[in-house]
Amino acid sequence: MNHTPFITVEGPIGVGKTTLSRAISEHFQYKILREIVDENPFLGKFYENIDEWSFQTEMFFLCNRYKQLEDIETKFLSNQMPVVADYHIFKNLIFAQRSLKNAQYDKYLNIFNILTEDMPAPNMVIYLNASLDTLLARIQKRGREIEKNISPLYLEQLTIDYQNFMEQFIEKHPEVTVLQFNGDEMDFVKNKHDLQTIINQIEDQLHKGVKQL
């Protein structure tokens, strides 16, 4: 059981995970772990043709996230150095279930379970959600070339998948503290009060020791 604060920020594409993770890192002086996105050589092709490139895309993400978490465990968490990450590795299952065919997903799930069996598990998850309009506006604003072909229909379904997954996650993992925030109602980039509200809730949970500590 991990007794060092390990916070992950999760939510659909464009919801602000990296921005919030960076703010948390700066406030608490935690090591920040950022997922590898642009380096995935299959991602652009994936958004153009999901069926053709989904398995390659998901396997690349899984292998890289596995390596990142392995490094985080040995270099930081095992030395009682807190970490905040802009993803939880469970996101691999959300994306894989949406994009992979049944036979591919079965193979993928076997590999996922083997790789993550002894990986460090976060003891706090911050879940951000937002409407499709908000997500599309933020994706357009940040202007990543690799995201220009994201289908609104795919993104809308992804937000539903996230919500369903998180409901199941909360039920199955009562030992993990989960804080939820609505991106339509809060703008932690432009509004310092909104950001402070999130920080305050995190501090409250840390003072309580989160559920595992």
N, C-alpha and C. Protein backbone atom coordinates (compact mmCIF):
# COMPACT_ATOMS: atom_id res chain seq x y z
N MET A 1 0.84 -1.20 0.00
CA MET A 1 0.00 0.00 0.00
C MET A 1 0.88 1.25 0.00
N ASN A 2 0.53 2.18 -0.87
CA ASN A 2 1.31 3.40 -1.01
C ASN A 2 0.89 4.41 0.06
N HIS A 3 1.86 4.86 0.89
CA HIS A 3 1.56 5.81 1.95
C HIS A 3 2.07 7.21 1.63
N THR A 4 2.60 7.41 0.44
CA THR A 4 3.05 8.73 0.00
C THR A 4 1.98 9.32 -0.91
N PRO A 5 1.61 10.60 -0.73
CA PRO A 5 0.59 11.18 -1.60
C PRO A 5 0.92 11.00 -3.08
N PHE A 6 0.00 10.39 -3.79
CA PHE A 6 0.11 10.18 -5.22
C PHE A 6 -1.25 10.57 -5.81
N ILE A 7 -1.28 11.74 -6.43
CA ILE A 7 -2.52 12.33 -6.95
C ILE A 7 -2.54 12.21 -8.47
N THR A 8 -3.68 11.79 -9.01
CA THR A 8 -3.83 11.81 -10.47
C THR A 8 -5.03 12.67 -10.84
N VAL A 9 -4.90 13.35 -11.97
CA VAL A 9 -5.98 14.17 -12.51
C VAL A 9 -6.49 13.49 -13.77
N GLU A 10 -7.78 13.25 -13.84
CA GLU A 10 -8.34 12.53 -14.98
C GLU A 10 -9.58 13.22 -15.54
N GLY A 11 -9.93 12.80 -16.77
CA GLY A 11 -11.09 13.35 -17.45
C GLY A 11 -10.86 13.27 -18.95
N PRO A 12 -11.88 13.53 -19.74
CA PRO A 12 -11.78 13.40 -21.19
C PRO A 12 -10.83 14.41 -21.83
N ILE A 13 -10.54 14.21 -23.09
CA ILE A 13 -9.63 15.06 -23.85
C ILE A 13 -10.11 16.51 -23.80
N GLY A 14 -9.20 17.43 -23.47
CA GLY A 14 -9.51 18.85 -23.49
C GLY A 14 -10.08 19.42 -22.21
N VAL A 15 -10.19 18.61 -21.17
CA VAL A 15 -10.86 19.08 -19.95
C VAL A 15 -9.93 19.88 -19.04
N GLY A 16 -8.61 19.80 -19.28
CA GLY A 16 -7.67 20.61 -18.50
C GLY A 16 -6.82 19.84 -17.51
N LYS A 17 -6.58 18.58 -17.78
CA LYS A 17 -5.83 17.73 -16.84
C LYS A 17 -4.41 18.23 -16.60
N THR A 18 -3.70 18.52 -17.68
CA THR A 18 -2.31 18.93 -17.55
C THR A 18 -2.19 20.28 -16.86
N THR A 19 -3.08 21.20 -17.21
CA THR A 19 -3.06 22.53 -16.60
C THR A 19 -3.28 22.45 -15.10
N LEU A 20 -4.26 21.65 -14.69
CA LEU A 20 -4.54 21.53 -13.25
C LEU A 20 -3.41 20.78 -12.55
N SER A 21 -2.88 19.76 -13.18
CA SER A 21 -1.76 19.02 -12.57
C SER A 21 -0.57 19.93 -12.33
N ARG A 22 -0.30 20.79 -13.28
CA ARG A 22 0.81 21.74 -13.15
C ARG A 22 0.56 22.69 -11.97
N ALA A 23 -0.67 23.17 -11.84
CA ALA A 23 -1.01 24.09 -10.75
C ALA A 23 -0.87 23.39 -9.39
N ILE A 24 -1.29 22.14 -9.32
CA ILE A 24 -1.17 21.38 -8.07
C ILE A 24 0.30 21.15 -7.75
N SER A 25 1.08 20.81 -8.76
CA SER A 25 2.51 20.58 -8.58
C SER A 25 3.20 21.83 -8.04
N GLU A 26 2.85 22.98 -8.60
CA GLU A 26 3.48 24.22 -8.17
C GLU A 26 3.06 24.60 -6.75
N HIS A 27 1.80 24.38 -6.43
CA HIS A 27 1.31 24.76 -5.10
C HIS A 27 1.90 23.89 -4.00
N PHE A 28 1.90 22.57 -4.22
CA PHE A 28 2.35 21.64 -3.18
C PHE A 28 3.82 21.26 -3.30
N GLN A 29 4.45 21.71 -4.41
CA GLN A 29 5.84 21.34 -4.67
C GLN A 29 6.00 19.82 -4.81
N TYR A 30 5.07 19.22 -5.56
CA TYR A 30 5.13 17.80 -5.85
C TYR A 30 5.79 17.59 -7.21
N LYS A 31 6.42 16.44 -7.36
CA LYS A 31 6.92 16.04 -8.66
C LYS A 31 5.73 15.86 -9.60
N ILE A 32 5.85 16.37 -10.85
CA ILE A 32 4.76 16.21 -11.80
C ILE A 32 5.11 15.15 -12.84
N LEU A 33 4.14 14.30 -13.12
CA LEU A 33 4.27 13.27 -14.14
C LEU A 33 3.28 13.59 -15.25
N ARG A 34 3.79 13.83 -16.45
CA ARG A 34 2.93 14.17 -17.58
C ARG A 34 2.94 13.03 -18.59
N GLU A 35 1.76 12.70 -19.08
CA GLU A 35 1.68 11.61 -20.03
C GLU A 35 2.29 12.02 -21.37
N ILE A 36 2.81 11.03 -22.07
CA ILE A 36 3.37 11.24 -23.40
C ILE A 36 2.23 11.17 -24.40
N VAL A 37 2.01 12.25 -25.13
CA VAL A 37 0.93 12.28 -26.12
C VAL A 37 1.49 12.53 -27.51
N ASP A 38 2.10 13.69 -27.70
CA ASP A 38 2.57 14.07 -29.04
C ASP A 38 3.61 13.11 -29.59
N GLU A 39 4.32 12.41 -28.69
CA GLU A 39 5.37 11.50 -29.14
C GLU A 39 4.81 10.19 -29.72
N ASN A 40 3.51 9.96 -29.56
CA ASN A 40 2.91 8.74 -30.08
C ASN A 40 2.82 8.84 -31.60
N PRO A 41 3.58 8.01 -32.34
CA PRO A 41 3.61 8.14 -33.80
C PRO A 41 2.33 7.69 -34.48
N PHE A 42 1.44 7.04 -33.74
CA PHE A 42 0.22 6.52 -34.34
C PHE A 42 -1.00 7.40 -34.09
N LEU A 43 -0.88 8.40 -33.21
CA LEU A 43 -2.05 9.12 -32.74
C LEU A 43 -2.75 9.91 -33.85
N GLY A 44 -1.97 10.60 -34.66
CA GLY A 44 -2.57 11.35 -35.76
C GLY A 44 -3.33 10.45 -36.71
N LYS A 45 -2.74 9.30 -37.03
CA LYS A 45 -3.41 8.33 -37.90
C LYS A 45 -4.65 7.77 -37.22
N PHE A 46 -4.58 7.60 -35.90
CA PHE A 46 -5.71 7.07 -35.14
C PHE A 46 -6.93 7.97 -35.28
N TYR A 47 -6.74 9.29 -35.14
CA TYR A 47 -7.87 10.21 -35.24
C TYR A 47 -8.45 10.25 -36.66
N GLU A 48 -7.65 9.87 -37.65
CA GLU A 48 -8.13 9.81 -39.02
C GLU A 48 -8.84 8.50 -39.32
N ASN A 49 -8.36 7.41 -38.71
CA ASN A 49 -8.93 6.09 -38.97
C ASN A 49 -8.79 5.24 -37.70
N ILE A 50 -9.79 5.31 -36.85
CA ILE A 50 -9.72 4.65 -35.54
C ILE A 50 -9.59 3.14 -35.68
N ASP A 51 -10.37 2.53 -36.55
CA ASP A 51 -10.35 1.07 -36.69
C ASP A 51 -8.98 0.56 -37.12
N GLU A 52 -8.32 1.29 -37.98
CA GLU A 52 -7.05 0.83 -38.55
C GLU A 52 -5.89 0.97 -37.56
N TRP A 53 -5.91 2.01 -36.72
CA TRP A 53 -4.73 2.33 -35.93
C TRP A 53 -4.94 2.25 -34.41
N SER A 54 -6.06 1.74 -33.97
CA SER A 54 -6.37 1.75 -32.55
C SER A 54 -5.43 0.87 -31.72
N PHE A 55 -5.15 -0.35 -32.18
CA PHE A 55 -4.34 -1.25 -31.37
C PHE A 55 -2.92 -0.72 -31.20
N GLN A 56 -2.33 -0.24 -32.30
CA GLN A 56 -0.98 0.31 -32.22
C GLN A 56 -0.93 1.52 -31.29
N THR A 57 -1.94 2.37 -31.40
CA THR A 57 -1.99 3.57 -30.56
C THR A 57 -2.08 3.22 -29.08
N GLU A 58 -2.98 2.31 -28.75
CA GLU A 58 -3.18 1.96 -27.34
C GLU A 58 -1.99 1.21 -26.76
N MET A 59 -1.33 0.38 -27.55
CA MET A 59 -0.16 -0.34 -27.05
C MET A 59 1.00 0.62 -26.79
N PHE A 60 1.16 1.61 -27.64
CA PHE A 60 2.22 2.60 -27.43
C PHE A 60 1.99 3.33 -26.10
N PHE A 61 0.75 3.78 -25.88
CA PHE A 61 0.43 4.48 -24.64
C PHE A 61 0.66 3.59 -23.43
N LEU A 62 0.23 2.35 -23.51
CA LEU A 62 0.36 1.44 -22.38
C LEU A 62 1.82 1.22 -22.01
N CYS A 63 2.65 0.96 -23.00
CA CYS A 63 4.07 0.69 -22.72
C CYS A 63 4.77 1.91 -22.15
N ASN A 64 4.45 3.09 -22.66
CA ASN A 64 5.09 4.30 -22.17
C ASN A 64 4.61 4.67 -20.77
N ARG A 65 3.34 4.49 -20.51
CA ARG A 65 2.83 4.79 -19.18
C ARG A 65 3.36 3.80 -18.15
N TYR A 66 3.51 2.57 -18.56
CA TYR A 66 4.10 1.56 -17.67
C TYR A 66 5.52 1.98 -17.27
N LYS A 67 6.31 2.41 -18.25
CA LYS A 67 7.68 2.83 -17.98
C LYS A 67 7.70 4.06 -17.08
N GLN A 68 6.81 5.01 -17.32
CA GLN A 68 6.75 6.21 -16.50
C GLN A 68 6.41 5.88 -15.05
N LEU A 69 5.43 5.02 -14.84
CA LEU A 69 5.03 4.66 -13.48
C LEU A 69 6.12 3.86 -12.77
N GLU A 70 6.81 3.05 -13.52
CA GLU A 70 7.93 2.31 -12.94
C GLU A 70 9.00 3.26 -12.43
N ASP A 71 9.29 4.28 -13.24
CA ASP A 71 10.29 5.28 -12.85
C ASP A 71 9.82 6.10 -11.64
N ILE A 72 8.54 6.47 -11.65
CA ILE A 72 7.98 7.24 -10.54
C ILE A 72 8.08 6.47 -9.24
N GLU A 73 7.82 5.18 -9.29
CA GLU A 73 7.88 4.34 -8.09
C GLU A 73 9.30 4.29 -7.54
N THR A 74 10.27 4.03 -8.40
CA THR A 74 11.64 3.83 -7.92
C THR A 74 12.32 5.14 -7.53
N LYS A 75 12.01 6.23 -8.24
CA LYS A 75 12.73 7.48 -8.01
C LYS A 75 12.06 8.40 -6.99
N PHE A 76 10.75 8.27 -6.84
CA PHE A 76 10.03 9.24 -6.00
C PHE A 76 9.19 8.59 -4.90
N LEU A 77 8.18 7.84 -5.25
CA LEU A 77 7.26 7.31 -4.25
C LEU A 77 7.97 6.42 -3.22
N SER A 78 8.90 5.61 -3.68
CA SER A 78 9.61 4.74 -2.74
C SER A 78 10.52 5.53 -1.81
N ASN A 79 10.79 6.78 -2.18
CA ASN A 79 11.59 7.67 -1.34
C ASN A 79 10.73 8.71 -0.62
N GLN A 80 9.43 8.41 -0.51
CA GLN A 80 8.47 9.28 0.18
C GLN A 80 8.40 10.68 -0.42
N MET A 81 8.54 10.77 -1.74
CA MET A 81 8.42 12.05 -2.44
C MET A 81 7.10 12.06 -3.20
N PRO A 82 6.14 12.94 -2.83
CA PRO A 82 4.81 12.95 -3.44
C PRO A 82 4.85 13.27 -4.94
N VAL A 83 3.83 12.78 -5.64
CA VAL A 83 3.74 12.93 -7.09
C VAL A 83 2.32 13.31 -7.47
N VAL A 84 2.18 14.18 -8.48
CA VAL A 84 0.90 14.44 -9.11
C VAL A 84 1.06 14.14 -10.59
N ALA A 85 0.10 13.40 -11.16
CA ALA A 85 0.16 13.01 -12.57
C ALA A 85 -1.07 13.51 -13.30
N ASP A 86 -0.91 13.79 -14.59
CA ASP A 86 -2.06 14.26 -15.38
C ASP A 86 -2.78 13.10 -16.06
N TYR A 87 -2.61 11.90 -15.52
CA TYR A 87 -3.39 10.76 -15.98
C TYR A 87 -3.34 9.65 -14.94
N HIS A 88 -4.34 8.80 -15.00
CA HIS A 88 -4.35 7.54 -14.25
C HIS A 88 -4.28 6.44 -15.30
N ILE A 89 -3.52 5.41 -15.05
CA ILE A 89 -3.35 4.38 -16.07
C ILE A 89 -4.65 3.66 -16.39
N PHE A 90 -5.68 3.81 -15.55
CA PHE A 90 -6.96 3.20 -15.89
C PHE A 90 -7.56 3.80 -17.16
N LYS A 91 -7.08 4.98 -17.58
CA LYS A 91 -7.61 5.58 -18.79
C LYS A 91 -7.36 4.70 -20.00
N ASN A 92 -6.31 3.87 -19.93
CA ASN A 92 -6.04 2.95 -21.03
C ASN A 92 -7.24 2.06 -21.31
N LEU A 93 -7.90 1.61 -20.25
CA LEU A 93 -9.05 0.72 -20.43
C LEU A 93 -10.24 1.47 -21.03
N ILE A 94 -10.42 2.72 -20.64
CA ILE A 94 -11.53 3.51 -21.17
C ILE A 94 -11.38 3.67 -22.68
N PHE A 95 -10.18 4.07 -23.11
CA PHE A 95 -9.94 4.28 -24.54
C PHE A 95 -9.94 2.96 -25.31
N ALA A 96 -9.33 1.94 -24.72
CA ALA A 96 -9.25 0.65 -25.41
C ALA A 96 -10.62 0.03 -25.61
N GLN A 97 -11.47 0.10 -24.60
CA GLN A 97 -12.81 -0.46 -24.72
C GLN A 97 -13.61 0.24 -25.80
N ARG A 98 -13.36 1.52 -26.00
CA ARG A 98 -14.08 2.27 -27.02
C ARG A 98 -13.57 1.97 -28.42
N SER A 99 -12.26 1.79 -28.57
CA SER A 99 -11.69 1.74 -29.92
C SER A 99 -11.30 0.35 -30.42
N LEU A 100 -11.06 -0.60 -29.53
CA LEU A 100 -10.59 -1.91 -29.96
C LEU A 100 -11.74 -2.88 -30.22
N LYS A 101 -11.53 -3.76 -31.18
CA LYS A 101 -12.48 -4.83 -31.42
C LYS A 101 -12.35 -5.85 -30.29
N ASN A 102 -13.36 -6.70 -30.14
CA ASN A 102 -13.42 -7.61 -29.01
C ASN A 102 -12.17 -8.47 -28.86
N ALA A 103 -11.73 -9.09 -29.95
CA ALA A 103 -10.55 -9.96 -29.88
C ALA A 103 -9.31 -9.17 -29.52
N GLN A 104 -9.18 -7.97 -30.08
CA GLN A 104 -8.04 -7.11 -29.76
C GLN A 104 -8.08 -6.68 -28.30
N TYR A 105 -9.27 -6.34 -27.81
CA TYR A 105 -9.39 -5.89 -26.42
C TYR A 105 -9.04 -6.99 -25.44
N ASP A 106 -9.43 -8.22 -25.75
CA ASP A 106 -9.10 -9.34 -24.86
C ASP A 106 -7.59 -9.49 -24.72
N LYS A 107 -6.88 -9.40 -25.84
CA LYS A 107 -5.41 -9.49 -25.81
C LYS A 107 -4.83 -8.31 -25.04
N TYR A 108 -5.37 -7.15 -25.33
CA TYR A 108 -4.89 -5.93 -24.68
C TYR A 108 -5.09 -6.00 -23.17
N LEU A 109 -6.24 -6.47 -22.75
CA LEU A 109 -6.55 -6.54 -21.33
C LEU A 109 -5.61 -7.49 -20.60
N ASN A 110 -5.26 -8.59 -21.23
CA ASN A 110 -4.30 -9.52 -20.63
C ASN A 110 -2.96 -8.85 -20.40
N ILE A 111 -2.50 -8.11 -21.40
CA ILE A 111 -1.22 -7.41 -21.29
C ILE A 111 -1.30 -6.32 -20.22
N PHE A 112 -2.41 -5.57 -20.22
CA PHE A 112 -2.61 -4.50 -19.24
C PHE A 112 -2.55 -5.06 -17.82
N ASN A 113 -3.24 -6.15 -17.58
CA ASN A 113 -3.27 -6.73 -16.23
C ASN A 113 -1.90 -7.19 -15.77
N ILE A 114 -1.14 -7.75 -16.67
CA ILE A 114 0.21 -8.22 -16.33
C ILE A 114 1.12 -7.03 -15.98
N LEU A 115 1.07 -6.00 -16.81
CA LEU A 115 1.96 -4.85 -16.62
C LEU A 115 1.61 -4.03 -15.37
N THR A 116 0.34 -3.93 -15.06
CA THR A 116 -0.09 -3.03 -13.98
C THR A 116 -0.29 -3.74 -12.65
N GLU A 117 -0.05 -5.01 -12.60
CA GLU A 117 -0.32 -5.78 -11.39
C GLU A 117 0.39 -5.23 -10.16
N ASP A 118 1.63 -4.80 -10.32
CA ASP A 118 2.39 -4.30 -9.17
C ASP A 118 2.80 -2.84 -9.33
N MET A 119 2.06 -2.11 -10.15
CA MET A 119 2.35 -0.70 -10.34
C MET A 119 1.81 0.12 -9.16
N PRO A 120 2.43 1.28 -8.86
CA PRO A 120 1.92 2.12 -7.77
C PRO A 120 0.52 2.66 -8.10
N ALA A 121 -0.36 2.62 -7.11
CA ALA A 121 -1.74 3.08 -7.32
C ALA A 121 -1.96 4.41 -6.63
N PRO A 122 -2.50 5.41 -7.32
CA PRO A 122 -2.79 6.70 -6.68
C PRO A 122 -3.75 6.55 -5.52
N ASN A 123 -3.58 7.38 -4.49
CA ASN A 123 -4.52 7.37 -3.38
C ASN A 123 -5.47 8.56 -3.42
N MET A 124 -5.35 9.39 -4.47
CA MET A 124 -6.34 10.45 -4.72
C MET A 124 -6.49 10.63 -6.22
N VAL A 125 -7.75 10.67 -6.67
CA VAL A 125 -8.05 10.92 -8.07
C VAL A 125 -8.92 12.17 -8.15
N ILE A 126 -8.51 13.11 -8.99
CA ILE A 126 -9.31 14.30 -9.25
C ILE A 126 -9.93 14.12 -10.63
N TYR A 127 -11.24 14.04 -10.65
CA TYR A 127 -11.95 13.77 -11.90
C TYR A 127 -12.61 15.05 -12.40
N LEU A 128 -12.19 15.48 -13.59
CA LEU A 128 -12.75 16.65 -14.24
C LEU A 128 -13.68 16.20 -15.36
N ASN A 129 -14.86 16.80 -15.42
CA ASN A 129 -15.76 16.51 -16.54
C ASN A 129 -16.30 17.82 -17.09
N ALA A 130 -16.80 17.78 -18.32
CA ALA A 130 -17.32 18.99 -18.96
C ALA A 130 -18.19 18.57 -20.14
N SER A 131 -19.00 19.50 -20.61
CA SER A 131 -19.87 19.24 -21.75
C SER A 131 -19.05 19.17 -23.04
N LEU A 132 -19.65 18.62 -24.07
CA LEU A 132 -18.98 18.51 -25.36
C LEU A 132 -18.58 19.88 -25.89
N ASP A 133 -19.45 20.87 -25.77
CA ASP A 133 -19.14 22.22 -26.27
C ASP A 133 -17.89 22.79 -25.58
N THR A 134 -17.80 22.59 -24.27
CA THR A 134 -16.64 23.08 -23.54
C THR A 134 -15.37 22.38 -23.98
N LEU A 135 -15.43 21.07 -24.13
CA LEU A 135 -14.25 20.30 -24.55
C LEU A 135 -13.80 20.72 -25.95
N LEU A 136 -14.74 20.84 -26.88
CA LEU A 136 -14.39 21.22 -28.25
C LEU A 136 -13.76 22.62 -28.29
N ALA A 137 -14.31 23.53 -27.48
CA ALA A 137 -13.78 24.89 -27.45
C ALA A 137 -12.35 24.90 -26.92
N ARG A 138 -12.07 24.10 -25.90
CA ARG A 138 -10.73 24.08 -25.32
C ARG A 138 -9.73 23.38 -26.25
N ILE A 139 -10.19 22.34 -26.93
CA ILE A 139 -9.31 21.66 -27.89
C ILE A 139 -8.95 22.61 -29.03
N GLN A 140 -9.95 23.35 -29.51
CA GLN A 140 -9.69 24.31 -30.59
C GLN A 140 -8.76 25.42 -30.13
N LYS A 141 -8.94 25.86 -28.91
CA LYS A 141 -8.13 26.97 -28.39
C LYS A 141 -6.66 26.58 -28.27
N ARG A 142 -6.38 25.35 -27.81
CA ARG A 142 -4.98 24.97 -27.65
C ARG A 142 -4.33 24.61 -28.98
N GLY A 143 -5.13 24.29 -29.99
CA GLY A 143 -4.65 24.21 -31.36
C GLY A 143 -3.60 23.16 -31.66
N ARG A 144 -3.72 21.99 -31.04
CA ARG A 144 -2.77 20.92 -31.35
C ARG A 144 -3.08 20.33 -32.72
N GLU A 145 -2.10 20.32 -33.57
CA GLU A 145 -2.27 19.81 -34.92
C GLU A 145 -2.77 18.37 -34.89
N ILE A 146 -2.26 17.61 -33.95
CA ILE A 146 -2.57 16.17 -33.88
C ILE A 146 -4.03 15.92 -33.52
N GLU A 147 -4.71 16.95 -32.95
CA GLU A 147 -6.09 16.77 -32.50
C GLU A 147 -7.12 17.36 -33.47
N LYS A 148 -6.68 17.86 -34.60
CA LYS A 148 -7.60 18.57 -35.48
C LYS A 148 -8.65 17.67 -36.10
N ASN A 149 -8.39 16.37 -36.14
CA ASN A 149 -9.34 15.44 -36.76
C ASN A 149 -10.18 14.66 -35.75
N ILE A 150 -10.17 15.08 -34.49
CA ILE A 150 -11.01 14.41 -33.50
C ILE A 150 -12.47 14.59 -33.84
N SER A 151 -13.20 13.50 -33.91
CA SER A 151 -14.63 13.55 -34.20
C SER A 151 -15.42 13.99 -32.97
N PRO A 152 -16.31 14.98 -33.11
CA PRO A 152 -17.15 15.36 -31.97
C PRO A 152 -17.96 14.18 -31.44
N LEU A 153 -18.38 13.30 -32.33
CA LEU A 153 -19.14 12.12 -31.90
C LEU A 153 -18.28 11.21 -31.03
N TYR A 154 -17.02 11.02 -31.44
CA TYR A 154 -16.09 10.21 -30.65
C TYR A 154 -15.85 10.85 -29.29
N LEU A 155 -15.67 12.16 -29.27
CA LEU A 155 -15.41 12.87 -28.01
C LEU A 155 -16.62 12.82 -27.09
N GLU A 156 -17.80 12.95 -27.66
CA GLU A 156 -19.02 12.88 -26.85
C GLU A 156 -19.18 11.50 -26.22
N GLN A 157 -18.92 10.46 -27.00
CA GLN A 157 -19.03 9.11 -26.46
C GLN A 157 -17.97 8.87 -25.40
N LEU A 158 -16.79 9.47 -25.60
CA LEU A 158 -15.71 9.32 -24.63
C LEU A 158 -16.09 9.91 -23.27
N THR A 159 -16.78 11.04 -23.28
CA THR A 159 -17.19 11.65 -22.01
C THR A 159 -18.19 10.74 -21.28
N ILE A 160 -19.04 10.08 -22.05
CA ILE A 160 -19.99 9.13 -21.44
C ILE A 160 -19.24 7.94 -20.87
N ASP A 161 -18.26 7.45 -21.62
CA ASP A 161 -17.45 6.32 -21.16
C ASP A 161 -16.73 6.67 -19.86
N TYR A 162 -16.19 7.87 -19.81
CA TYR A 162 -15.49 8.32 -18.60
C TYR A 162 -16.42 8.34 -17.39
N GLN A 163 -17.61 8.90 -17.59
CA GLN A 163 -18.55 9.01 -16.48
C GLN A 163 -18.96 7.64 -15.97
N ASN A 164 -19.24 6.74 -16.91
CA ASN A 164 -19.62 5.38 -16.52
C ASN A 164 -18.48 4.68 -15.79
N PHE A 165 -17.27 4.85 -16.31
CA PHE A 165 -16.11 4.20 -15.69
C PHE A 165 -15.88 4.73 -14.29
N MET A 166 -15.98 6.06 -14.13
CA MET A 166 -15.71 6.65 -12.82
C MET A 166 -16.74 6.21 -11.79
N GLU A 167 -17.98 6.07 -12.20
CA GLU A 167 -19.00 5.59 -11.26
C GLU A 167 -18.65 4.19 -10.77
N GLN A 168 -18.19 3.34 -11.68
CA GLN A 168 -17.79 1.99 -11.31
C GLN A 168 -16.52 2.00 -10.47
N PHE A 169 -15.59 2.87 -10.81
CA PHE A 169 -14.33 2.97 -10.08
C PHE A 169 -14.57 3.36 -8.63
N ILE A 170 -15.43 4.35 -8.41
CA ILE A 170 -15.74 4.81 -7.06
C ILE A 170 -16.36 3.69 -6.24
N GLU A 171 -17.22 2.94 -6.88
CA GLU A 171 -17.89 1.83 -6.18
C GLU A 171 -16.91 0.71 -5.83
N LYS A 172 -15.99 0.43 -6.76
CA LYS A 172 -15.07 -0.69 -6.57
C LYS A 172 -13.86 -0.33 -5.71
N HIS A 173 -13.55 0.97 -5.58
CA HIS A 173 -12.35 1.39 -4.87
C HIS A 173 -12.68 2.43 -3.79
N PRO A 174 -13.40 2.03 -2.77
CA PRO A 174 -13.76 2.98 -1.71
C PRO A 174 -12.55 3.48 -0.93
N GLU A 175 -11.41 2.79 -1.08
CA GLU A 175 -10.20 3.22 -0.37
C GLU A 175 -9.52 4.43 -1.02
N VAL A 176 -9.94 4.78 -2.23
CA VAL A 176 -9.33 5.89 -2.97
C VAL A 176 -10.19 7.14 -2.84
N THR A 177 -9.57 8.26 -2.48
CA THR A 177 -10.29 9.53 -2.43
C THR A 177 -10.50 10.06 -3.84
N VAL A 178 -11.75 10.36 -4.20
CA VAL A 178 -12.08 10.89 -5.52
C VAL A 178 -12.76 12.25 -5.35
N LEU A 179 -12.17 13.28 -5.93
CA LEU A 179 -12.75 14.62 -5.94
C LEU A 179 -13.23 14.91 -7.36
N GLN A 180 -14.46 15.39 -7.50
CA GLN A 180 -15.03 15.62 -8.82
C GLN A 180 -15.35 17.11 -9.00
N PHE A 181 -15.01 17.63 -10.19
CA PHE A 181 -15.26 19.04 -10.50
C PHE A 181 -15.80 19.16 -11.92
N ASN A 182 -16.75 20.07 -12.10
CA ASN A 182 -17.38 20.28 -13.40
C ASN A 182 -16.72 21.45 -14.12
N GLY A 183 -16.16 21.16 -15.28
CA GLY A 183 -15.45 22.17 -16.05
C GLY A 183 -16.35 23.22 -16.68
N ASP A 184 -17.65 22.96 -16.76
CA ASP A 184 -18.58 23.97 -17.25
C ASP A 184 -18.84 25.03 -16.19
N GLU A 185 -18.74 24.62 -14.94
CA GLU A 185 -19.06 25.52 -13.83
C GLU A 185 -17.81 26.18 -13.24
N MET A 186 -16.65 25.58 -13.50
CA MET A 186 -15.41 26.11 -12.94
C MET A 186 -14.39 26.34 -14.04
N ASP A 187 -13.68 27.45 -13.97
CA ASP A 187 -12.59 27.74 -14.91
C ASP A 187 -11.35 28.06 -14.08
N PHE A 188 -10.58 27.00 -13.77
CA PHE A 188 -9.43 27.18 -12.89
C PHE A 188 -8.24 27.83 -13.60
N VAL A 189 -8.38 28.11 -14.89
CA VAL A 189 -7.33 28.82 -15.62
C VAL A 189 -7.53 30.32 -15.49
N LYS A 190 -8.74 30.77 -15.75
CA LYS A 190 -9.04 32.21 -15.72
C LYS A 190 -9.46 32.71 -14.35
N ASN A 191 -10.01 31.83 -13.54
CA ASN A 191 -10.57 32.25 -12.26
C ASN A 191 -9.74 31.68 -11.11
N LYS A 192 -9.00 32.54 -10.44
CA LYS A 192 -8.14 32.09 -9.35
C LYS A 192 -8.96 31.54 -8.18
N HIS A 193 -10.16 32.05 -8.01
CA HIS A 193 -11.01 31.54 -6.93
C HIS A 193 -11.38 30.08 -7.17
N ASP A 194 -11.68 29.75 -8.42
CA ASP A 194 -12.01 28.37 -8.76
C ASP A 194 -10.82 27.45 -8.49
N LEU A 195 -9.64 27.89 -8.88
CA LEU A 195 -8.44 27.10 -8.63
C LEU A 195 -8.22 26.93 -7.13
N GLN A 196 -8.41 27.99 -6.36
CA GLN A 196 -8.20 27.91 -4.91
C GLN A 196 -9.21 26.97 -4.27
N THR A 197 -10.43 26.93 -4.81
CA THR A 197 -11.44 26.01 -4.29
C THR A 197 -10.97 24.56 -4.43
N ILE A 198 -10.39 24.25 -5.58
CA ILE A 198 -9.87 22.90 -5.81
C ILE A 198 -8.70 22.62 -4.88
N ILE A 199 -7.78 23.57 -4.79
CA ILE A 199 -6.61 23.41 -3.92
C ILE A 199 -7.05 23.18 -2.47
N ASN A 200 -8.04 23.96 -2.04
CA ASN A 200 -8.53 23.83 -0.65
C ASN A 200 -9.08 22.43 -0.39
N GLN A 201 -9.81 21.89 -1.34
CA GLN A 201 -10.38 20.56 -1.15
C GLN A 201 -9.28 19.49 -1.11
N ILE A 202 -8.26 19.68 -1.94
CA ILE A 202 -7.13 18.75 -1.91
C ILE A 202 -6.42 18.83 -0.56
N GLU A 203 -6.19 20.05 -0.10
CA GLU A 203 -5.53 20.23 1.20
C GLU A 203 -6.33 19.58 2.32
N ASP A 204 -7.63 19.73 2.28
CA ASP A 204 -8.48 19.12 3.31
C ASP A 204 -8.29 17.61 3.34
N GLN A 205 -8.25 17.00 2.16
CA GLN A 205 -8.08 15.55 2.10
C GLN A 205 -6.68 15.13 2.54
N LEU A 206 -5.69 15.91 2.18
CA LEU A 206 -4.33 15.59 2.60
C LEU A 206 -4.18 15.69 4.11
N HIS A 207 -4.85 16.68 4.70
CA HIS A 207 -4.80 16.83 6.15
C HIS A 207 -5.49 15.67 6.85
N LYS A 208 -6.51 15.14 6.19
CA LYS A 208 -7.18 13.95 6.73
C LYS A 208 -6.32 12.69 6.51
N GLY A 209 -5.32 12.85 5.67
CA GLY A 209 -4.43 11.73 5.38
C GLY A 209 -4.89 10.90 4.20
N VAL A 210 -5.89 11.37 3.44
CA VAL A 210 -6.61 10.60 2.44
C VAL A 210 -6.97 9.25 2.99
N LYS A 211 -7.72 8.48 2.31
CA LYS A 211 -8.34 7.29 2.90
C LYS A 211 -7.33 6.19 3.22
N GLN A 212 -6.19 6.21 2.54
CA GLN A 212 -5.25 5.11 2.76
C GLN A 212 -4.21 5.41 3.83
N LEU A 213 -4.05 6.69 4.15
CA LEU A 213 -2.91 7.04 5.00
C LEU A 213 -3.27 7.01 6.48
